[in-house]
């Protein structure tokens, strides 16, 4: 049990801490560090939990680490111009990354199963649009709580993990849970920086935000595609925290009435509501 907890929670949490610290050490290249190291950290998680994949990869679980490495290279390269992305470009970038990944991972399964195809298409469309809005930099007069997207990604991973566990795919549940721990490690370090006065410590903007979100959502798509008994309704709700994060960003919801230390917590609780619904649905439909 201790070894399982170390592999699923301890090591991924430490990876998240390391990524956050690396971004602090190289502040001028924060976007590059996050955009590159989060996908690579996900690769390390796969290696810890699944071992070295066969090359060339055949199964989806073997393809995913390769896809993540390619994503790390692409997203890191896109940060080099240091230009802010428009909402349209962010949506298109997210859509292309998710579409290519989902197609490479599970096209045969999706084409043979209309229900799974419908769920994945819903996740794809909602995530692409929501992420595109959630990673924008709000106008100075309308600044939403910057922690919303990161908090939403944590909620998505937890909902995906429990949906996979109750849908008879324990291996995917471990990976999703490990990604939640990775996100948690990143959040803890940056929450401390936020408390020390850095308003943007918890923000995930533009390419680095797309990269981080892509890593989480591509695993949700993997969960939806290959979990044998996953509840479609639960998986649909699992992506909705991203919609809440986008609303907080676009709507300029800043939680100013709360004490500073509670603002990210409030954002996290609100983004978690759809994830809690997803977990409740998965538990209600759990067949044992």
Foldseek 3Di string as FASTA:
>chain_A
DVLLCCLLFVLLLVLLLVLLVVCVVVVVLNLLSLLQSLLVSLLVSLCSLPNQADPVHDALSSVSNVLSNVRNVVLSVVCVVVDADALVVQLVVLLVSLVVSLCVHFVPLCVVDVLLVVLLVLLSNVLSNLLSLLQHQADPVQAFQQQQLLLLLLLLLQLLLLLLVLLPNNSLSSSSSSLSSSSVSNCVVLLVVVVVPDRNSNHRHHSSSSSSSSSSSSSLSVSSRPRRRGDSQLSSLSSCLSNLSSCRGHRSHHPVVDPSSCRSVVSSVVSNVSSVVSSVVSVVSRPD
